[in-house]
C-alpha atoms as a PDB file:
ATOM      1  CA  MET A   1     101.341  89.498  76.029  1.00  0.00           C
ATOM      2  CA  THR A   2     103.429  86.578  77.367  1.00  0.00           C
ATOM      3  CA  PRO A   3     105.039  83.969  75.324  1.00  0.00           C
ATOM      4  CA  PHE A   4     102.786  81.343  76.673  1.00  0.00           C
ATOM      5  CA  GLY A   5      99.518  83.473  76.230  1.00  0.00           C
ATOM      6  CA  GLU A   6     100.617  84.272  72.697  1.00  0.00           C
ATOM      7  CA  ARG A   7     101.264  80.535  71.963  1.00  0.00           C
ATOM      8  CA  VAL A   8      97.910  79.431  73.498  1.00  0.00           C
ATOM      9  CA  ARG A   9      95.913  82.131  71.665  1.00  0.00           C
ATOM     10  CA  GLN A  10      97.791  80.868  68.372  1.00  0.00           C
ATOM     11  CA  LEU A  11      96.988  77.254  68.924  1.00  0.00           C
ATOM     12  CA  ARG A  12      93.311  78.034  69.736  1.00  0.00           C
ATOM     13  CA  GLN A  13      92.891  80.186  66.562  1.00  0.00           C
ATOM     14  CA  GLU A  14      94.726  77.696  64.289  1.00  0.00           C
ATOM     15  CA  ARG A  15      92.506  75.014  65.563  1.00  0.00           C
ATOM     16  CA  GLY A  16      89.397  77.038  65.282  1.00  0.00           C
ATOM     17  CA  ARG A  17      88.461  76.615  69.034  1.00  0.00           C
ATOM     18  CA  MET A  18      86.281  79.028  70.897  1.00  0.00           C
ATOM     19  CA  LEU A  19      87.488  80.824  73.840  1.00  0.00           C
ATOM     20  CA  LYS A  20      84.385  80.032  75.916  1.00  0.00           C
ATOM     21  CA  ASP A  21      84.588  76.388  74.932  1.00  0.00           C
ATOM     22  CA  MET A  22      88.399  76.181  76.082  1.00  0.00           C
ATOM     23  CA  ALA A  23      87.587  77.913  79.295  1.00  0.00           C
ATOM     24  CA  ALA A  24      84.983  75.525  80.131  1.00  0.00           C
ATOM     25  CA  HIS A  25      87.245  72.633  79.548  1.00  0.00           C
ATOM     26  CA  LEU A  26      89.888  74.074  81.705  1.00  0.00           C
ATOM     27  CA  GLY A  27      87.442  75.020  84.513  1.00  0.00           C
ATOM     28  CA  VAL A  28      88.155  78.756  84.251  1.00  0.00           C
ATOM     29  CA  SER A  29      86.198  81.739  83.253  1.00  0.00           C
ATOM     30  CA  SER A  30      86.312  83.115  79.785  1.00  0.00           C
ATOM     31  CA  ALA A  31      87.537  86.414  81.189  1.00  0.00           C
ATOM     32  CA  TYR A  32      90.513  84.713  82.948  1.00  0.00           C
ATOM     33  CA  LEU A  33      91.452  82.694  79.956  1.00  0.00           C
ATOM     34  CA  SER A  34      91.360  85.905  77.710  1.00  0.00           C
ATOM     35  CA  ALA A  35      93.649  87.769  80.341  1.00  0.00           C
ATOM     36  CA  LEU A  36      95.902  84.850  80.434  1.00  0.00           C
ATOM     37  CA  GLU A  37      96.326  85.005  76.525  1.00  0.00           C
ATOM     38  CA  ARG A  38      96.783  88.850  76.851  1.00  0.00           C
ATOM     39  CA  GLY A  39      99.585  88.415  79.493  1.00  0.00           C
ATOM     40  CA  GLU A  40      97.461  90.073  82.147  1.00  0.00           C
ATOM     41  CA  ARG A  41      97.748  87.091  84.551  1.00  0.00           C
ATOM     42  CA  GLY A  42     100.577  85.591  86.364  1.00  0.00           C
ATOM     43  CA  LYS A  43     102.558  82.575  85.365  1.00  0.00           C
ATOM     44  CA  PRO A  44     100.109  79.593  84.587  1.00  0.00           C
ATOM     45  CA  THR A  45      99.855  76.860  87.210  1.00  0.00           C
ATOM     46  CA  TRP A  46     101.112  73.323  86.543  1.00  0.00           C
ATOM     47  CA  THR A  47      97.411  72.111  86.534  1.00  0.00           C
ATOM     48  CA  LEU A  48      96.406  74.627  83.853  1.00  0.00           C
ATOM     49  CA  ILE A  49      99.298  73.927  81.670  1.00  0.00           C
ATOM     50  CA  GLN A  50      98.345  70.216  81.871  1.00  0.00           C
ATOM     51  CA  GLY A  51      94.845  71.234  80.954  1.00  0.00           C
ATOM     52  CA  VAL A  52      95.998  73.115  77.832  1.00  0.00           C
ATOM     53  CA  LEU A  53      98.156  70.207  76.735  1.00  0.00           C
ATOM     54  CA  GLN A  54      95.298  67.863  76.998  1.00  0.00           C
ATOM     55  CA  TYR A  55      92.884  70.166  75.327  1.00  0.00           C
ATOM     56  CA  PHE A  56      95.081  70.511  72.250  1.00  0.00           C
ATOM     57  CA  HIS A  57      96.249  66.887  72.385  1.00  0.00           C
ATOM     58  CA  ILE A  58      99.760  68.027  72.756  1.00  0.00           C
ATOM     59  CA  ILE A  59     102.553  65.684  73.321  1.00  0.00           C
ATOM     60  CA  TRP A  60     106.424  65.294  73.263  1.00  0.00           C
ATOM     61  CA  ASP A  61     108.524  68.273  71.941  1.00  0.00           C
ATOM     62  CA  GLU A  62     105.527  70.468  71.449  1.00  0.00           C
ATOM     63  CA  ALA A  63     104.516  69.741  75.176  1.00  0.00           C
ATOM     64  CA  ASP A  64     108.061  70.512  76.475  1.00  0.00           C
ATOM     65  CA  GLU A  65     108.213  73.752  74.416  1.00  0.00           C
ATOM     66  CA  LEU A  66     104.674  75.050  75.849  1.00  0.00           C
ATOM     67  CA  THR A  67     105.860  74.120  79.325  1.00  0.00           C
ATOM     68  CA  ARG A  68     109.022  76.018  78.729  1.00  0.00           C
ATOM     69  CA  LEU A  69     107.135  78.977  77.390  1.00  0.00           C
ATOM     70  CA  ALA A  70     104.906  78.872  80.507  1.00  0.00           C
ATOM     71  CA  ASP A  71     107.980  78.945  82.770  1.00  0.00           C
ATOM     72  CA  LEU A  72     109.229  81.936  80.891  1.00  0.00           C
ATOM     73  CA  SER A  73     105.815  83.743  81.159  1.00  0.00           C
ATOM     74  CA  ASP A  74     105.775  85.552  84.430  1.00  0.00           C
ATOM     75  CA  PRO A  75     105.029  89.161  83.461  1.00  0.00           C
ATOM     76  CA  LYS A  76     106.611  90.425  86.805  1.00  0.00           C
ATOM     77  CA  VAL A  77     109.985  89.176  87.133  1.00  0.00           C
ATOM     78  CA  LYS A  78     112.366  89.616  90.077  1.00  0.00           C
ATOM     79  CA  ILE A  79     116.097  89.414  89.462  1.00  0.00           C
ATOM     80  CA  ASP A  80     118.458  88.816  92.316  1.00  0.00           C
ATOM     81  CA  THR A  81     121.732  90.521  91.512  1.00  0.00           C
ATOM     82  CA  ALA A  82     123.338  90.120  94.918  1.00  0.00           C
ATOM     83  CA  ASN A  83     126.981  88.744  94.817  1.00  0.00           C
ATOM     84  CA  THR A  84     127.184  89.642  91.090  1.00  0.00           C
ATOM     85  CA  ASP A  85     129.270  92.261  89.099  1.00  0.00           C
ATOM     86  CA  PRO A  86     127.771  95.862  89.746  1.00  0.00           C
ATOM     87  CA  LYS A  87     127.157  95.817  86.060  1.00  0.00           C
ATOM     88  CA  ALA A  88     124.620  93.129  86.550  1.00  0.00           C
ATOM     89  CA  THR A  89     122.760  95.218  88.877  1.00  0.00           C
ATOM     90  CA  LEU A  90     122.938  98.193  86.510  1.00  0.00           C
ATOM     91  CA  LEU A  91     121.694  96.186  83.683  1.00  0.00           C
ATOM     92  CA  ALA A  92     118.789  94.716  85.609  1.00  0.00           C
ATOM     93  CA  ASN A  93     117.707  98.214  86.847  1.00  0.00           C
ATOM     94  CA  ARG A  94     118.038  99.847  83.597  1.00  0.00           C
ATOM     95  CA  LEU A  95     116.165  97.094  81.940  1.00  0.00           C
ATOM     96  CA  ALA A  96     113.314  97.278  84.357  1.00  0.00           C
ATOM     97  CA  ARG A  97     113.083 101.046  83.759  1.00  0.00           C
ATOM     98  CA  GLU A  98     113.402 100.926  79.917  1.00  0.00           C
ATOM     99  CA  ILE A  99     112.083  97.727  78.593  1.00  0.00           C
ATOM    100  CA  ARG A 100     108.969  99.241  77.368  1.00  0.00           C
ATOM    101  CA  GLY A 101     110.778 101.647  75.130  1.00  0.00           C
ATOM    102  CA  LEU A 102     112.856  98.983  73.288  1.00  0.00           C
ATOM    103  CA  THR A 103     112.035  98.224  69.585  1.00  0.00           C
ATOM    104  CA  PRO A 104     111.355  94.603  68.599  1.00  0.00           C
ATOM    105  CA  GLU A 105     114.800  94.591  66.940  1.00  0.00           C
ATOM    106  CA  GLU A 106     116.556  95.768  70.022  1.00  0.00           C
ATOM    107  CA  LEU A 107     114.697  93.007  72.098  1.00  0.00           C
ATOM    108  CA  ASP A 108     115.899  90.441  69.433  1.00  0.00           C
ATOM    109  CA  ALA A 109     119.347  91.654  69.951  1.00  0.00           C
ATOM    110  CA  LEU A 110     119.235  91.454  73.709  1.00  0.00           C
ATOM    111  CA  LEU A 111     117.717  87.990  73.468  1.00  0.00           C
ATOM    112  CA  ALA A 112     120.483  86.770  70.985  1.00  0.00           C
ATOM    113  CA  VAL A 113     123.108  87.938  73.610  1.00  0.00           C
ATOM    114  CA  LEU A 114     121.457  85.807  76.290  1.00  0.00           C
ATOM    115  CA  ASP A 115     121.097  82.921  73.772  1.00  0.00           C
ATOM    116  CA  GLN A 116     124.817  82.974  73.291  1.00  0.00           C
ATOM    117  CA  ALA A 117     125.521  83.240  76.950  1.00  0.00           C
ATOM    118  CA  GLN A 118     123.305  80.233  77.569  1.00  0.00           C
ATOM    119  CA  GLU A 119     124.960  78.256  74.859  1.00  0.00           C
ATOM    120  CA  ARG A 120     128.366  79.156  76.310  1.00  0.00           C
ATOM    121  CA  GLU A 121     127.224  78.066  79.839  1.00  0.00           C
ATOM    122  CA  ARG A 122     125.992  74.740  78.355  1.00  0.00           C
ATOM    123  CA  GLY A 123     129.201  74.082  76.464  1.00  0.00           C
ATOM    124  CA  ALA A 124     131.204  74.790  79.662  1.00  0.00           C
ATOM    125  CA  GLY A 125     129.119  72.145  81.454  1.00  0.00           C
ATOM    126  CA  CYS A 126     127.306  74.720  83.769  1.00  0.00           C
ATOM    127  CA  ALA A 127     123.568  73.967  83.184  1.00  0.00           C
ATOM    128  CA  VAL A 128     121.369  76.972  83.768  1.00  0.00           C
ATOM    129  CA  PRO A 129     118.894  75.992  86.589  1.00  0.00           C
ATOM    130  CA  SER A 130     115.304  75.631  85.356  1.00  0.00           C
ATOM    131  CA  ASP A 131     114.133  78.133  88.093  1.00  0.00           C
ATOM    132  CA  ALA A 132     116.711  80.819  87.146  1.00  0.00           C
ATOM    133  CA  GLN A 133     115.227  84.213  87.424  1.00  0.00           C
ATOM    134  CA  ALA A 134     117.048  85.708  84.435  1.00  0.00           C
ATOM    135  CA  PRO A 135     115.136  85.929  81.070  1.00  0.00           C
ATOM    136  CA  VAL A 136     115.760  83.570  78.367  1.00  0.00           C
ATOM    137  CA  SER A 137     114.657  83.693  74.813  1.00  0.00           C
ATOM    138  CA  PRO A 138     111.139  82.297  74.186  1.00  0.00           C
ATOM    139  CA  ARG A 139     112.347  80.858  70.849  1.00  0.00           C
END
């Protein structure tokens, strides 16, 4: 499941909405929406994200958060480690091979390290580009 799919499912269930009704509103099949919620589809399109925001009447900070989750919900990530420390290449390759074996606690620990690095970069005045390929905590 992706962060976006998990949040969409949570919103739909919290608000008592049926999958088929939401799918009809978005102009997609129930099967597609179900697969999107389960993380079996790629990153959602801008149009689909806007449709979800409209369907749930989401605005401001909550809309920004859902859009951010969508940006972090590509289940097949490519990480370019060219011109980085060799340890970055090692980390990317090991993570690709071993991510399925990590416990939720281990994932939280890795996300915490990435959150700290992101905060350090922000503090140094080096903004992280929104299209960066590196994973960022979905919190």
